Amino acid sequence: MADEQAVTGQEAPQQQFSMQRIYTKDLSFESPSSPAIFRKQWQPKVNVDLNTKSDKLDDNGNYEVVLTITLTAKVEEETAFLVEVQQAGIFFVTGIEGENLRRVLGTACPNILFPYARENIDAVCVKGGFPAVMLAPVNFDALYQQALAQAQAQAGEAAPAAAEGGEAATH
C-alpha cells in the first residue's frame, strides 16, 4: 500500500469527524387550548415531523447541522400543545467528500443531536404542565436512504417530462 501511495505521489487525505459544539438554535412551545385542555381525558394524538439541514460554515471543514423536530399533540380535535426545537451542532469534517460527506451530515450528525432535542422537548412539555414526552429513537440512516430513493424517483419522473418539453420546444 505504501508503494501505491509512492507511485501516485499522493497520500489519501486523512478523514476526520468531530463535534465542536451543540446548542439549541430555536425552541418554541404553545399550548393554545389551556387551561381547558387540562380538564379533558389525556389521550392525545401525537404527530412528529423531523427535518435536517446542513450548511458549510467556512473552508476549514466546519459545518452547521440543524435537526428540527416539531411535535403536535391533540386531544379530540383541540391542540393541547405544539413544540418545535431546532437542535444544532457545529461539526468538523475533513477528508470526506461528495456522497460520503452528505451521508455523514445527514445521518451521523442528527444521531448525535437527537438525544439533546428529545430532552429539550420532554423538559418544555413537563414545564408546560403536560406528561413527560419520550420520543422513540429515530433511524436516521433509514430516513436518509428513503430521501435518496424519493429524490431518485422524482428525478426519474422529471427526466421524461424534461425530454418531452425539450422535444416540444424544437418543433
N, C-alpha and C. Protein backbone atom coordinates (compact mmCIF):
# COMPACT_ATOMS: atom_id res chain seq x y z
N MET A 1 0.83 -1.18 0.00
CA MET A 1 0.00 0.00 0.00
C MET A 1 0.88 1.25 0.00
N ALA A 2 1.96 1.23 0.78
CA ALA A 2 2.88 2.37 0.78
C ALA A 2 3.46 2.56 -0.62
N ASP A 3 3.71 1.43 -1.32
CA ASP A 3 4.21 1.53 -2.69
C ASP A 3 3.20 2.20 -3.60
N GLU A 4 1.90 1.90 -3.41
CA GLU A 4 0.87 2.52 -4.23
C GLU A 4 0.84 4.03 -4.01
N GLN A 5 0.98 4.46 -2.76
CA GLN A 5 0.99 5.89 -2.47
C GLN A 5 2.21 6.55 -3.06
N ALA A 6 3.35 5.86 -3.01
CA ALA A 6 4.57 6.42 -3.57
C ALA A 6 4.45 6.55 -5.08
N VAL A 7 3.81 5.58 -5.72
CA VAL A 7 3.65 5.60 -7.17
C VAL A 7 2.77 6.77 -7.59
N THR A 8 1.66 6.99 -6.88
CA THR A 8 0.75 8.08 -7.26
C THR A 8 1.27 9.43 -6.81
N GLY A 9 2.15 9.43 -5.83
CA GLY A 9 2.70 10.69 -5.36
C GLY A 9 1.76 11.44 -4.43
N GLN A 10 0.64 10.83 -4.08
CA GLN A 10 -0.32 11.48 -3.20
C GLN A 10 -0.72 10.54 -2.10
N GLU A 11 -0.92 11.10 -0.94
CA GLU A 11 -1.46 10.32 0.16
C GLU A 11 -2.97 10.55 0.21
N ALA A 12 -3.69 9.54 0.62
CA ALA A 12 -5.13 9.71 0.79
C ALA A 12 -5.34 10.72 1.92
N PRO A 13 -6.27 11.66 1.75
CA PRO A 13 -6.50 12.63 2.82
C PRO A 13 -7.01 11.92 4.07
N GLN A 14 -6.52 12.38 5.19
CA GLN A 14 -6.94 11.78 6.46
C GLN A 14 -8.37 12.21 6.76
N GLN A 15 -9.22 11.24 7.07
CA GLN A 15 -10.60 11.55 7.39
C GLN A 15 -10.71 11.91 8.86
N GLN A 16 -11.39 13.02 9.12
CA GLN A 16 -11.62 13.47 10.49
C GLN A 16 -13.07 13.91 10.64
N PHE A 17 -13.63 13.54 11.76
CA PHE A 17 -15.00 13.94 12.10
C PHE A 17 -15.04 14.20 13.59
N SER A 18 -15.44 15.40 13.98
CA SER A 18 -15.57 15.68 15.42
C SER A 18 -16.65 16.72 15.64
N MET A 19 -17.24 16.62 16.82
CA MET A 19 -18.27 17.57 17.23
C MET A 19 -17.56 18.75 17.90
N GLN A 20 -17.88 19.95 17.46
CA GLN A 20 -17.29 21.15 18.05
C GLN A 20 -18.18 21.76 19.14
N ARG A 21 -19.50 21.78 18.85
CA ARG A 21 -20.43 22.41 19.78
C ARG A 21 -21.84 21.94 19.48
N ILE A 22 -22.64 21.81 20.54
CA ILE A 22 -24.07 21.51 20.40
C ILE A 22 -24.83 22.62 21.10
N TYR A 23 -25.90 23.09 20.45
CA TYR A 23 -26.67 24.18 21.03
C TYR A 23 -28.11 24.14 20.54
N THR A 24 -28.98 24.78 21.31
CA THR A 24 -30.37 24.93 20.92
C THR A 24 -30.46 26.22 20.12
N LYS A 25 -30.82 26.10 18.85
CA LYS A 25 -30.91 27.26 17.98
C LYS A 25 -32.26 27.97 18.13
N ASP A 26 -33.32 27.18 18.31
CA ASP A 26 -34.65 27.75 18.47
C ASP A 26 -35.50 26.76 19.24
N LEU A 27 -36.35 27.27 20.11
CA LEU A 27 -37.25 26.43 20.89
C LEU A 27 -38.55 27.18 21.06
N SER A 28 -39.65 26.52 20.70
CA SER A 28 -40.96 27.15 20.76
C SER A 28 -41.95 26.18 21.39
N PHE A 29 -42.79 26.69 22.28
CA PHE A 29 -43.82 25.89 22.91
C PHE A 29 -45.11 26.69 22.94
N GLU A 30 -46.20 26.07 22.50
CA GLU A 30 -47.51 26.72 22.53
C GLU A 30 -48.51 25.75 23.12
N SER A 31 -49.39 26.27 23.93
CA SER A 31 -50.50 25.49 24.47
C SER A 31 -51.77 26.32 24.30
N PRO A 32 -52.30 26.34 23.06
CA PRO A 32 -53.40 27.25 22.74
C PRO A 32 -54.73 26.91 23.42
N SER A 33 -54.90 25.69 23.88
CA SER A 33 -56.18 25.30 24.47
C SER A 33 -56.15 25.25 25.99
N SER A 34 -55.08 25.74 26.60
CA SER A 34 -55.07 25.72 28.06
C SER A 34 -55.84 26.92 28.59
N PRO A 35 -56.43 26.82 29.72
CA PRO A 35 -56.38 25.72 30.68
C PRO A 35 -57.46 24.64 30.44
N ALA A 36 -58.37 24.87 29.50
CA ALA A 36 -59.47 23.91 29.30
C ALA A 36 -58.97 22.51 28.95
N ILE A 37 -57.84 22.42 28.27
CA ILE A 37 -57.33 21.13 27.84
C ILE A 37 -56.98 20.23 29.03
N PHE A 38 -56.64 20.82 30.17
CA PHE A 38 -56.27 20.04 31.35
C PHE A 38 -57.46 19.33 31.98
N ARG A 39 -58.67 19.73 31.60
CA ARG A 39 -59.87 19.11 32.15
C ARG A 39 -60.33 17.92 31.31
N LYS A 40 -59.69 17.71 30.18
CA LYS A 40 -60.07 16.60 29.30
C LYS A 40 -59.22 15.37 29.61
N GLN A 41 -59.77 14.21 29.27
CA GLN A 41 -59.01 12.98 29.47
C GLN A 41 -57.80 12.99 28.54
N TRP A 42 -56.63 12.67 29.09
CA TRP A 42 -55.39 12.77 28.33
C TRP A 42 -55.17 11.52 27.48
N GLN A 43 -55.67 11.58 26.26
CA GLN A 43 -55.45 10.54 25.26
C GLN A 43 -55.09 11.24 23.95
N PRO A 44 -53.88 11.78 23.91
CA PRO A 44 -53.53 12.62 22.76
C PRO A 44 -53.20 11.82 21.50
N LYS A 45 -53.44 12.46 20.39
CA LYS A 45 -52.94 12.00 19.10
C LYS A 45 -51.70 12.86 18.84
N VAL A 46 -50.58 12.19 18.68
CA VAL A 46 -49.31 12.91 18.56
C VAL A 46 -48.77 12.77 17.14
N ASN A 47 -48.34 13.88 16.59
CA ASN A 47 -47.71 13.91 15.27
C ASN A 47 -46.29 14.47 15.43
N VAL A 48 -45.31 13.77 14.84
CA VAL A 48 -43.92 14.21 14.92
C VAL A 48 -43.38 14.40 13.51
N ASP A 49 -42.82 15.57 13.25
CA ASP A 49 -42.16 15.85 11.98
C ASP A 49 -40.68 16.10 12.25
N LEU A 50 -39.84 15.50 11.42
CA LEU A 50 -38.39 15.66 11.53
C LEU A 50 -37.85 16.28 10.26
N ASN A 51 -36.82 17.09 10.41
CA ASN A 51 -36.15 17.67 9.25
C ASN A 51 -34.70 17.95 9.64
N THR A 52 -33.80 17.80 8.70
CA THR A 52 -32.41 18.17 8.94
C THR A 52 -31.92 19.04 7.80
N LYS A 53 -30.99 19.90 8.11
CA LYS A 53 -30.33 20.69 7.07
C LYS A 53 -28.91 20.94 7.53
N SER A 54 -28.04 21.13 6.57
CA SER A 54 -26.64 21.41 6.90
C SER A 54 -26.12 22.54 6.03
N ASP A 55 -25.22 23.32 6.60
CA ASP A 55 -24.59 24.43 5.89
C ASP A 55 -23.10 24.42 6.17
N LYS A 56 -22.33 24.66 5.12
CA LYS A 56 -20.89 24.79 5.28
C LYS A 56 -20.62 26.17 5.88
N LEU A 57 -19.88 26.19 7.00
CA LEU A 57 -19.63 27.46 7.69
C LEU A 57 -18.38 28.17 7.18
N ASP A 58 -17.38 27.41 6.76
CA ASP A 58 -16.13 28.00 6.32
C ASP A 58 -15.38 27.00 5.44
N ASP A 59 -14.19 27.38 5.01
CA ASP A 59 -13.38 26.50 4.17
C ASP A 59 -12.45 25.61 4.99
N ASN A 60 -12.62 25.62 6.30
CA ASN A 60 -11.77 24.82 7.19
C ASN A 60 -12.40 23.48 7.55
N GLY A 61 -13.60 23.18 7.02
CA GLY A 61 -14.23 21.90 7.30
C GLY A 61 -15.30 21.96 8.38
N ASN A 62 -15.75 23.15 8.75
CA ASN A 62 -16.79 23.28 9.76
C ASN A 62 -18.16 23.39 9.11
N TYR A 63 -19.10 22.59 9.63
CA TYR A 63 -20.46 22.55 9.13
C TYR A 63 -21.43 22.72 10.29
N GLU A 64 -22.51 23.45 10.03
CA GLU A 64 -23.60 23.51 10.99
C GLU A 64 -24.68 22.55 10.51
N VAL A 65 -25.13 21.68 11.39
CA VAL A 65 -26.23 20.78 11.11
C VAL A 65 -27.36 21.12 12.07
N VAL A 66 -28.57 21.28 11.54
CA VAL A 66 -29.73 21.62 12.36
C VAL A 66 -30.77 20.52 12.21
N LEU A 67 -31.13 19.94 13.34
CA LEU A 67 -32.20 18.94 13.41
C LEU A 67 -33.43 19.66 13.94
N THR A 68 -34.50 19.70 13.14
CA THR A 68 -35.75 20.34 13.56
C THR A 68 -36.78 19.25 13.84
N ILE A 69 -37.34 19.29 15.04
CA ILE A 69 -38.40 18.36 15.41
C ILE A 69 -39.61 19.18 15.81
N THR A 70 -40.74 18.90 15.19
CA THR A 70 -42.00 19.56 15.52
C THR A 70 -42.95 18.48 16.02
N LEU A 71 -43.45 18.66 17.22
CA LEU A 71 -44.35 17.69 17.83
C LEU A 71 -45.66 18.39 18.14
N THR A 72 -46.75 17.83 17.65
CA THR A 72 -48.09 18.37 17.90
C THR A 72 -48.91 17.30 18.61
N ALA A 73 -49.50 17.68 19.74
CA ALA A 73 -50.37 16.76 20.49
C ALA A 73 -51.78 17.35 20.48
N LYS A 74 -52.75 16.52 20.04
CA LYS A 74 -54.15 16.95 20.02
C LYS A 74 -54.97 16.00 20.86
N VAL A 75 -55.92 16.58 21.58
CA VAL A 75 -56.91 15.81 22.32
C VAL A 75 -58.24 16.14 21.65
N GLU A 76 -58.90 15.08 21.19
CA GLU A 76 -60.05 15.24 20.31
C GLU A 76 -59.56 16.05 19.12
N GLU A 77 -60.10 17.20 18.87
CA GLU A 77 -59.59 18.00 17.74
C GLU A 77 -58.89 19.26 18.21
N GLU A 78 -58.70 19.40 19.51
CA GLU A 78 -58.04 20.58 20.04
C GLU A 78 -56.55 20.35 20.21
N THR A 79 -55.77 21.35 19.85
CA THR A 79 -54.32 21.26 20.03
C THR A 79 -54.00 21.47 21.50
N ALA A 80 -53.46 20.42 22.11
CA ALA A 80 -53.04 20.52 23.51
C ALA A 80 -51.75 21.31 23.59
N PHE A 81 -50.78 20.90 22.77
CA PHE A 81 -49.54 21.67 22.70
C PHE A 81 -48.84 21.42 21.37
N LEU A 82 -48.01 22.36 21.04
CA LEU A 82 -47.16 22.29 19.86
C LEU A 82 -45.77 22.71 20.32
N VAL A 83 -44.80 21.87 20.10
CA VAL A 83 -43.44 22.21 20.47
C VAL A 83 -42.54 21.99 19.26
N GLU A 84 -41.65 22.94 19.04
CA GLU A 84 -40.68 22.81 17.97
C GLU A 84 -39.31 23.16 18.51
N VAL A 85 -38.35 22.31 18.22
CA VAL A 85 -36.98 22.57 18.64
C VAL A 85 -36.07 22.46 17.42
N GLN A 86 -35.16 23.39 17.32
CA GLN A 86 -34.09 23.31 16.33
C GLN A 86 -32.81 23.07 17.13
N GLN A 87 -32.39 21.82 17.16
CA GLN A 87 -31.17 21.44 17.87
C GLN A 87 -30.05 21.46 16.85
N ALA A 88 -29.00 22.21 17.14
CA ALA A 88 -27.94 22.40 16.16
C ALA A 88 -26.60 21.99 16.72
N GLY A 89 -25.69 21.79 15.80
CA GLY A 89 -24.33 21.47 16.19
C GLY A 89 -23.37 21.94 15.12
N ILE A 90 -22.15 22.21 15.56
CA ILE A 90 -21.07 22.52 14.63
C ILE A 90 -20.17 21.30 14.63
N PHE A 91 -19.92 20.79 13.42
CA PHE A 91 -19.13 19.58 13.25
C PHE A 91 -17.96 19.88 12.33
N PHE A 92 -16.81 19.33 12.68
CA PHE A 92 -15.61 19.45 11.87
C PHE A 92 -15.46 18.18 11.05
N VAL A 93 -15.46 18.32 9.72
CA VAL A 93 -15.37 17.16 8.83
C VAL A 93 -14.34 17.47 7.76
N THR A 94 -13.29 16.65 7.67
CA THR A 94 -12.32 16.78 6.59
C THR A 94 -12.00 15.41 6.03
N GLY A 95 -11.56 15.40 4.78
CA GLY A 95 -11.18 14.16 4.13
C GLY A 95 -12.35 13.31 3.70
N ILE A 96 -13.55 13.83 3.82
CA ILE A 96 -14.77 13.13 3.40
C ILE A 96 -15.45 14.03 2.39
N GLU A 97 -15.74 13.50 1.22
CA GLU A 97 -16.29 14.33 0.14
C GLU A 97 -17.54 13.71 -0.46
N GLY A 98 -18.24 14.48 -1.25
CA GLY A 98 -19.36 14.00 -2.07
C GLY A 98 -20.45 13.31 -1.28
N GLU A 99 -20.85 12.15 -1.78
CA GLU A 99 -21.96 11.40 -1.17
C GLU A 99 -21.63 10.99 0.26
N ASN A 100 -20.38 10.63 0.53
CA ASN A 100 -20.00 10.25 1.90
C ASN A 100 -20.15 11.42 2.86
N LEU A 101 -19.82 12.62 2.42
CA LEU A 101 -20.00 13.81 3.26
C LEU A 101 -21.48 14.05 3.51
N ARG A 102 -22.31 13.96 2.46
CA ARG A 102 -23.76 14.16 2.64
C ARG A 102 -24.32 13.13 3.61
N ARG A 103 -23.83 11.89 3.53
CA ARG A 103 -24.30 10.83 4.42
C ARG A 103 -23.91 11.14 5.87
N VAL A 104 -22.69 11.58 6.10
CA VAL A 104 -22.25 11.92 7.47
C VAL A 104 -23.10 13.06 8.03
N LEU A 105 -23.30 14.10 7.22
CA LEU A 105 -24.08 15.26 7.68
C LEU A 105 -25.56 14.91 7.85
N GLY A 106 -26.05 13.94 7.08
CA GLY A 106 -27.46 13.58 7.13
C GLY A 106 -27.81 12.45 8.08
N THR A 107 -26.79 11.73 8.58
CA THR A 107 -27.08 10.61 9.48
C THR A 107 -26.31 10.69 10.79
N ALA A 108 -24.99 10.77 10.72
CA ALA A 108 -24.18 10.76 11.95
C ALA A 108 -24.47 11.99 12.81
N CYS A 109 -24.52 13.16 12.19
CA CYS A 109 -24.76 14.38 12.95
C CYS A 109 -26.15 14.39 13.61
N PRO A 110 -27.24 14.10 12.86
CA PRO A 110 -28.55 14.04 13.52
C PRO A 110 -28.62 12.99 14.63
N ASN A 111 -27.90 11.87 14.47
CA ASN A 111 -27.86 10.86 15.54
C ASN A 111 -27.26 11.43 16.82
N ILE A 112 -26.28 12.31 16.68
CA ILE A 112 -25.67 12.96 17.85
C ILE A 112 -26.62 13.99 18.44
N LEU A 113 -27.31 14.75 17.59
CA LEU A 113 -28.18 15.83 18.05
C LEU A 113 -29.49 15.35 18.66
N PHE A 114 -30.00 14.21 18.20
CA PHE A 114 -31.32 13.75 18.60
C PHE A 114 -31.54 13.65 20.11
N PRO A 115 -30.64 13.05 20.88
CA PRO A 115 -30.90 12.97 22.34
C PRO A 115 -31.05 14.35 23.00
N TYR A 116 -30.33 15.33 22.52
CA TYR A 116 -30.44 16.68 23.08
C TYR A 116 -31.80 17.29 22.73
N ALA A 117 -32.24 17.10 21.49
CA ALA A 117 -33.55 17.60 21.08
C ALA A 117 -34.65 16.91 21.86
N ARG A 118 -34.53 15.60 22.02
CA ARG A 118 -35.54 14.83 22.76
C ARG A 118 -35.64 15.32 24.20
N GLU A 119 -34.51 15.59 24.82
CA GLU A 119 -34.52 16.08 26.20
C GLU A 119 -35.15 17.46 26.29
N ASN A 120 -34.85 18.33 25.32
CA ASN A 120 -35.46 19.67 25.31
C ASN A 120 -36.97 19.58 25.18
N ILE A 121 -37.45 18.72 24.30
CA ILE A 121 -38.90 18.57 24.11
C ILE A 121 -39.55 18.06 25.39
N ASP A 122 -38.98 17.04 26.00
CA ASP A 122 -39.52 16.49 27.24
C ASP A 122 -39.57 17.57 28.33
N ALA A 123 -38.49 18.29 28.50
CA ALA A 123 -38.43 19.30 29.57
C ALA A 123 -39.46 20.41 29.37
N VAL A 124 -39.61 20.90 28.16
CA VAL A 124 -40.54 22.01 27.93
C VAL A 124 -41.99 21.54 28.07
N CYS A 125 -42.28 20.30 27.68
CA CYS A 125 -43.65 19.79 27.83
C CYS A 125 -44.00 19.64 29.31
N VAL A 126 -43.09 19.11 30.09
CA VAL A 126 -43.33 18.96 31.53
C VAL A 126 -43.50 20.32 32.18
N LYS A 127 -42.67 21.28 31.81
CA LYS A 127 -42.79 22.63 32.36
C LYS A 127 -44.08 23.31 31.91
N GLY A 128 -44.64 22.85 30.79
CA GLY A 128 -45.92 23.37 30.31
C GLY A 128 -47.11 22.70 30.97
N GLY A 129 -46.85 21.78 31.91
CA GLY A 129 -47.94 21.15 32.65
C GLY A 129 -48.44 19.83 32.07
N PHE A 130 -47.74 19.29 31.10
CA PHE A 130 -48.15 18.06 30.44
C PHE A 130 -47.30 16.88 30.89
N PRO A 131 -47.77 15.67 30.65
CA PRO A 131 -46.96 14.50 30.99
C PRO A 131 -45.66 14.48 30.19
N ALA A 132 -44.69 13.78 30.71
CA ALA A 132 -43.39 13.66 30.03
C ALA A 132 -43.57 13.06 28.64
N VAL A 133 -42.74 13.51 27.72
CA VAL A 133 -42.75 13.03 26.35
C VAL A 133 -41.39 12.41 26.07
N MET A 134 -41.39 11.11 25.78
CA MET A 134 -40.12 10.45 25.44
C MET A 134 -40.25 9.95 24.00
N LEU A 135 -39.64 10.70 23.10
CA LEU A 135 -39.68 10.31 21.70
C LEU A 135 -38.91 9.01 21.48
N ALA A 136 -39.45 8.16 20.63
CA ALA A 136 -38.78 6.91 20.29
C ALA A 136 -37.52 7.21 19.49
N PRO A 137 -36.53 6.34 19.57
CA PRO A 137 -35.32 6.54 18.75
C PRO A 137 -35.67 6.61 17.27
N VAL A 138 -34.83 7.31 16.53
CA VAL A 138 -35.04 7.50 15.10
C VAL A 138 -33.88 6.88 14.34
N ASN A 139 -34.18 6.16 13.27
CA ASN A 139 -33.16 5.57 12.42
C ASN A 139 -32.87 6.56 11.29
N PHE A 140 -31.90 7.44 11.50
CA PHE A 140 -31.59 8.46 10.50
C PHE A 140 -30.97 7.85 9.24
N ASP A 141 -30.33 6.69 9.37
CA ASP A 141 -29.80 6.02 8.19
C ASP A 141 -30.95 5.61 7.25
N ALA A 142 -32.01 5.04 7.82
CA ALA A 142 -33.16 4.63 7.02
C ALA A 142 -33.86 5.85 6.41
N LEU A 143 -33.99 6.93 7.18
CA LEU A 143 -34.61 8.14 6.64
C LEU A 143 -33.78 8.72 5.49
N TYR A 144 -32.47 8.67 5.63
CA TYR A 144 -31.58 9.16 4.58
C TYR A 144 -31.76 8.33 3.30
N GLN A 145 -31.80 7.02 3.45
CA GLN A 145 -31.99 6.14 2.29
C GLN A 145 -33.34 6.40 1.63
N GLN A 146 -34.37 6.62 2.45
CA GLN A 146 -35.70 6.91 1.93
C GLN A 146 -35.70 8.22 1.15
N ALA A 147 -35.03 9.24 1.68
CA ALA A 147 -34.95 10.53 0.99
C ALA A 147 -34.20 10.39 -0.34
N LEU A 148 -33.13 9.59 -0.35
CA LEU A 148 -32.40 9.35 -1.61
C LEU A 148 -33.29 8.67 -2.64
N ALA A 149 -34.03 7.66 -2.20
CA ALA A 149 -34.92 6.93 -3.10
C ALA A 149 -35.99 7.86 -3.67
N GLN A 150 -36.54 8.74 -2.82
CA GLN A 150 -37.56 9.68 -3.29
C GLN A 150 -36.96 10.66 -4.30
N ALA A 151 -35.76 11.14 -4.02
CA ALA A 151 -35.11 12.08 -4.93
C ALA A 151 -34.83 11.42 -6.28
N GLN A 152 -34.40 10.15 -6.25
CA GLN A 152 -34.15 9.43 -7.50
C GLN A 152 -35.44 9.20 -8.26
N ALA A 153 -36.51 8.88 -7.55
CA ALA A 153 -37.80 8.66 -8.19
C ALA A 153 -38.30 9.95 -8.84
N GLN A 154 -38.14 11.07 -8.14
CA GLN A 154 -38.57 12.36 -8.69
C GLN A 154 -37.72 12.74 -9.89
N ALA A 155 -36.42 12.45 -9.81
CA ALA A 155 -35.54 12.75 -10.94
C ALA A 155 -35.93 11.89 -12.14
N GLY A 156 -36.32 10.64 -11.87
CA GLY A 156 -36.76 9.75 -12.94
C GLY A 156 -38.03 10.23 -13.59
N GLU A 157 -38.95 10.79 -12.80
CA GLU A 157 -40.20 11.32 -13.34
C GLU A 157 -39.96 12.61 -14.10
N ALA A 158 -39.02 13.42 -13.62
CA ALA A 158 -38.74 14.71 -14.24
C ALA A 158 -38.02 14.55 -15.57
N ALA A 159 -37.20 13.50 -15.71
CA ALA A 159 -36.43 13.32 -16.95
C ALA A 159 -37.33 13.13 -18.17
N PRO A 160 -38.35 12.26 -18.13
CA PRO A 160 -39.23 12.14 -19.31
C PRO A 160 -39.98 13.44 -19.58
N ALA A 161 -40.40 14.12 -18.53
CA ALA A 161 -41.13 15.38 -18.73
C ALA A 161 -40.21 16.42 -19.36
N ALA A 162 -38.95 16.44 -18.93
CA ALA A 162 -37.99 17.39 -19.50
C ALA A 162 -37.72 17.04 -20.95
N ALA A 163 -37.63 15.74 -21.23
CA ALA A 163 -37.39 15.31 -22.62
C ALA A 163 -38.57 15.70 -23.50
N GLU A 164 -39.77 15.52 -22.97
CA GLU A 164 -40.97 15.91 -23.74
C GLU A 164 -40.98 17.40 -23.96
N GLY A 165 -40.63 18.17 -22.90
CA GLY A 165 -40.61 19.62 -23.02
C GLY A 165 -39.56 20.05 -24.03
N GLY A 166 -38.39 19.41 -23.99
CA GLY A 166 -37.32 19.74 -24.92
C GLY A 166 -37.72 19.41 -26.35
N GLU A 167 -38.43 18.29 -26.51
CA GLU A 167 -38.86 17.88 -27.83
C GLU A 167 -39.89 18.86 -28.38
N ALA A 168 -40.79 19.29 -27.52
CA ALA A 168 -41.84 20.23 -27.94
C ALA A 168 -41.21 21.57 -28.32
N ALA A 169 -40.14 21.94 -27.62
CA ALA A 169 -39.52 23.23 -27.88
C ALA A 169 -38.80 23.25 -29.24
N THR A 170 -38.41 22.07 -29.73
CA THR A 170 -37.70 22.03 -31.01
C THR A 170 -38.65 22.11 -32.20
N HIS A 171 -39.93 21.89 -31.99
CA HIS A 171 -40.88 21.89 -33.10
C HIS A 171 -41.26 23.28 -33.50
